[in-house]
Amino acid sequence: MKMFKTSALSVLVLAAMSLGTFQTQQAMAQTGVTPVGIAPDIRHNLAERILQRCAHRIKRLAVACADSNAAISNRCVNVIRMLLANGQDVLARRVARFCLQLVNSRTDRCIRAIQTLCRRCHLAMAAAGATQAQLLDLRMLCARAIDHVEASRQNCIDDIRSLF
């Protein structure tokens, strides 16, 4: 029964698409317009929309990574201060080493995620006919996002190392 519904639906969709294509061809024949592809201004708008969506996602990911690093750093600094105040220097150094490894691994994972997102956005924008200026804007945004995450890593490392 379900197979019948699916095939009936696909037949209806195919019929609607065929009718729409036929009517479009008739209208183009009457007006003398020939289809060449997507109009350049539509392609530009599409590339601009993709750039805006990608920019939002990239910025959101970079900020989330930086916030995560700051939260890890704050928790670690508090624990290390408490351990140092109680005279447990060896354990404090072990916690610091663990925290540095955690910050480094999370930062590396965030950078890979940003790079993957940037690569996908670049491909989508290129397919949508983006201009070189738009692609350059994307590359600059990706570089700034990675720099922001790297700066947050360095801030965390400095905060933890300043305790010793």
Protein backbone atom coordinates (compact mmCIF):
# COMPACT_ATOMS: atom_id res chain seq x y z
CA MET A 1 0.00 0.00 0.00
CA LYS A 2 2.78 2.40 0.91
CA MET A 3 4.62 1.61 -2.33
CA PHE A 4 1.52 2.55 -4.30
CA LYS A 5 1.25 5.89 -2.51
CA THR A 6 4.90 6.67 -3.17
CA SER A 7 4.69 5.77 -6.83
CA ALA A 8 1.44 7.67 -7.26
CA LEU A 9 3.03 10.70 -5.63
CA SER A 10 6.06 10.48 -7.88
CA VAL A 11 3.82 10.26 -10.97
CA LEU A 12 1.94 13.37 -9.84
CA VAL A 13 5.18 15.27 -9.22
CA LEU A 14 6.54 14.21 -12.61
CA ALA A 15 3.33 15.31 -14.31
CA ALA A 16 3.39 18.69 -12.57
CA MET A 17 7.04 19.23 -13.51
CA SER A 18 6.37 18.26 -17.12
CA LEU A 19 3.40 20.62 -17.34
CA GLY A 20 5.45 23.45 -15.84
CA THR A 21 8.30 22.81 -18.28
CA PHE A 22 5.89 22.69 -21.22
CA GLN A 23 4.25 25.97 -20.21
CA THR A 24 7.64 27.61 -19.72
CA GLN A 25 8.78 26.47 -23.16
CA GLN A 26 5.61 27.87 -24.71
CA ALA A 27 6.08 31.24 -23.00
CA MET A 28 9.72 31.44 -24.11
CA ALA A 29 8.76 30.58 -27.68
CA GLN A 30 6.14 33.37 -27.71
CA THR A 31 8.49 36.00 -26.28
CA GLY A 32 11.62 34.90 -28.13
CA VAL A 33 13.63 34.35 -24.92
CA THR A 34 16.12 31.49 -24.95
CA PRO A 35 17.34 29.86 -21.74
CA VAL A 36 21.06 30.18 -21.26
CA GLY A 37 21.30 29.21 -17.61
CA ILE A 38 20.82 31.01 -14.37
CA ALA A 39 20.98 34.76 -14.78
CA PRO A 40 24.19 36.33 -13.42
CA ASP A 41 22.40 38.55 -10.91
CA ILE A 42 20.52 35.55 -9.50
CA ARG A 43 23.78 33.61 -9.23
CA HIS A 44 25.40 36.59 -7.47
CA ASN A 45 22.52 36.81 -5.00
CA LEU A 46 22.73 33.08 -4.35
CA ALA A 47 26.47 33.29 -3.72
CA GLU A 48 25.91 36.27 -1.41
CA ARG A 49 23.28 34.37 0.58
CA ILE A 50 25.60 31.37 0.88
CA LEU A 51 28.38 33.69 2.07
CA GLN A 52 26.10 35.21 4.72
CA ARG A 53 24.98 31.81 5.99
CA CYS A 54 28.53 30.49 6.04
CA ALA A 55 29.81 33.61 7.79
CA HIS A 56 27.20 33.21 10.50
CA ARG A 57 28.08 29.53 11.03
CA ILE A 58 31.82 30.11 10.99
CA LYS A 59 31.59 32.98 13.49
CA ARG A 60 29.29 31.00 15.74
CA LEU A 61 31.67 28.03 15.71
CA ALA A 62 34.72 30.20 16.45
CA VAL A 63 32.99 31.95 19.34
CA ALA A 64 31.77 28.63 20.77
CA CYS A 65 35.31 27.22 20.63
CA ALA A 66 36.80 30.31 22.27
CA ASP A 67 34.11 30.23 24.98
CA SER A 68 34.80 26.55 25.59
CA ASN A 69 38.51 27.24 25.97
CA ALA A 70 37.81 30.08 28.40
CA ALA A 71 35.51 27.86 30.49
CA ILE A 72 38.13 25.09 30.64
CA SER A 73 40.79 27.62 31.59
CA ASN A 74 38.66 29.11 34.37
CA ARG A 75 37.88 25.72 35.89
CA CYS A 76 41.50 24.60 35.68
CA VAL A 77 42.87 27.81 37.15
CA ASN A 78 40.49 27.52 40.11
CA VAL A 79 41.44 23.87 40.75
CA ILE A 80 45.16 24.55 40.37
CA ARG A 81 44.99 27.54 42.76
CA MET A 82 43.21 25.41 45.32
CA LEU A 83 45.79 22.62 44.99
CA LEU A 84 48.69 25.07 45.28
CA ALA A 85 47.10 26.67 48.33
CA ASN A 86 46.90 23.21 49.95
CA GLY A 87 50.56 22.51 49.16
CA GLN A 88 49.90 19.85 46.53
CA ASP A 89 52.34 21.11 43.90
CA VAL A 90 52.83 17.79 42.12
CA LEU A 91 49.11 17.24 41.68
CA ALA A 92 48.67 20.86 40.58
CA ARG A 93 51.28 20.37 37.83
CA ARG A 94 49.57 17.15 36.74
CA VAL A 95 46.21 18.95 36.52
CA ALA A 96 47.86 21.79 34.59
CA ARG A 97 49.36 19.33 32.10
CA PHE A 98 45.96 17.65 31.67
CA CYS A 99 44.27 21.01 31.14
CA LEU A 100 46.82 22.11 28.56
CA GLN A 101 46.36 18.86 26.65
CA LEU A 102 42.59 19.29 26.80
CA VAL A 103 42.73 22.87 25.52
CA ASN A 104 45.13 21.89 22.74
CA SER A 105 43.09 18.92 21.57
CA ARG A 106 39.80 20.83 21.61
CA THR A 107 41.35 23.77 19.82
CA ASP A 108 42.80 21.51 17.14
CA ARG A 109 39.40 19.87 16.69
CA CYS A 110 37.72 23.28 16.41
CA ILE A 111 40.24 24.45 13.83
CA ARG A 112 39.66 21.31 11.76
CA ALA A 113 35.90 21.90 11.97
CA ILE A 114 36.31 25.52 10.85
CA GLN A 115 38.55 24.45 7.97
CA THR A 116 36.03 21.80 6.89
CA LEU A 117 33.20 24.31 7.04
CA CYS A 118 35.24 26.84 5.07
CA ARG A 119 36.09 24.26 2.43
CA ARG A 120 32.43 23.29 2.03
CA CYS A 121 31.36 26.91 1.84
CA HIS A 122 34.01 27.65 -0.77
CA LEU A 123 32.79 24.77 -2.92
CA ALA A 124 29.15 25.83 -2.57
CA MET A 125 29.95 29.45 -3.39
CA ALA A 126 32.07 28.49 -6.39
CA ALA A 127 29.24 26.30 -7.68
CA ALA A 128 26.84 29.22 -7.23
CA GLY A 129 29.08 31.46 -9.34
CA ALA A 130 30.66 33.57 -6.60
CA THR A 131 32.98 36.38 -7.60
CA GLN A 132 36.65 36.37 -6.65
CA ALA A 133 35.92 39.15 -4.15
CA GLN A 134 33.30 37.01 -2.41
CA LEU A 135 35.66 34.03 -2.26
CA LEU A 136 38.37 36.30 -0.87
CA ASP A 137 35.92 37.55 1.79
CA LEU A 138 35.28 33.94 2.77
CA ARG A 139 39.01 33.15 2.97
CA MET A 140 39.62 36.23 5.12
CA LEU A 141 36.73 35.33 7.42
CA CYS A 142 38.07 31.80 7.83
CA ALA A 143 41.54 33.09 8.63
CA ARG A 144 40.14 35.50 11.24
CA ALA A 145 38.05 32.73 12.82
CA ILE A 146 41.07 30.44 13.09
CA ASP A 147 43.16 33.29 14.51
CA HIS A 148 40.44 33.95 17.11
CA VAL A 149 40.46 30.32 18.24
CA GLU A 150 44.28 30.24 18.27
CA ALA A 151 44.31 33.42 20.40
CA SER A 152 41.90 31.83 22.87
CA ARG A 153 44.21 28.80 23.07
CA GLN A 154 47.19 31.03 23.80
CA ASN A 155 45.23 32.95 26.46
CA CYS A 156 44.37 29.68 28.20
CA ILE A 157 47.94 28.46 28.07
CA ASP A 158 49.20 31.78 29.45
CA ASP A 159 46.60 31.74 32.25
CA ILE A 160 47.56 28.24 33.35
CA ARG A 161 51.31 28.72 33.06
CA SER A 162 51.17 32.00 35.00
CA LEU A 163 50.23 30.05 38.11
CA PHE A 164 53.66 28.39 38.33
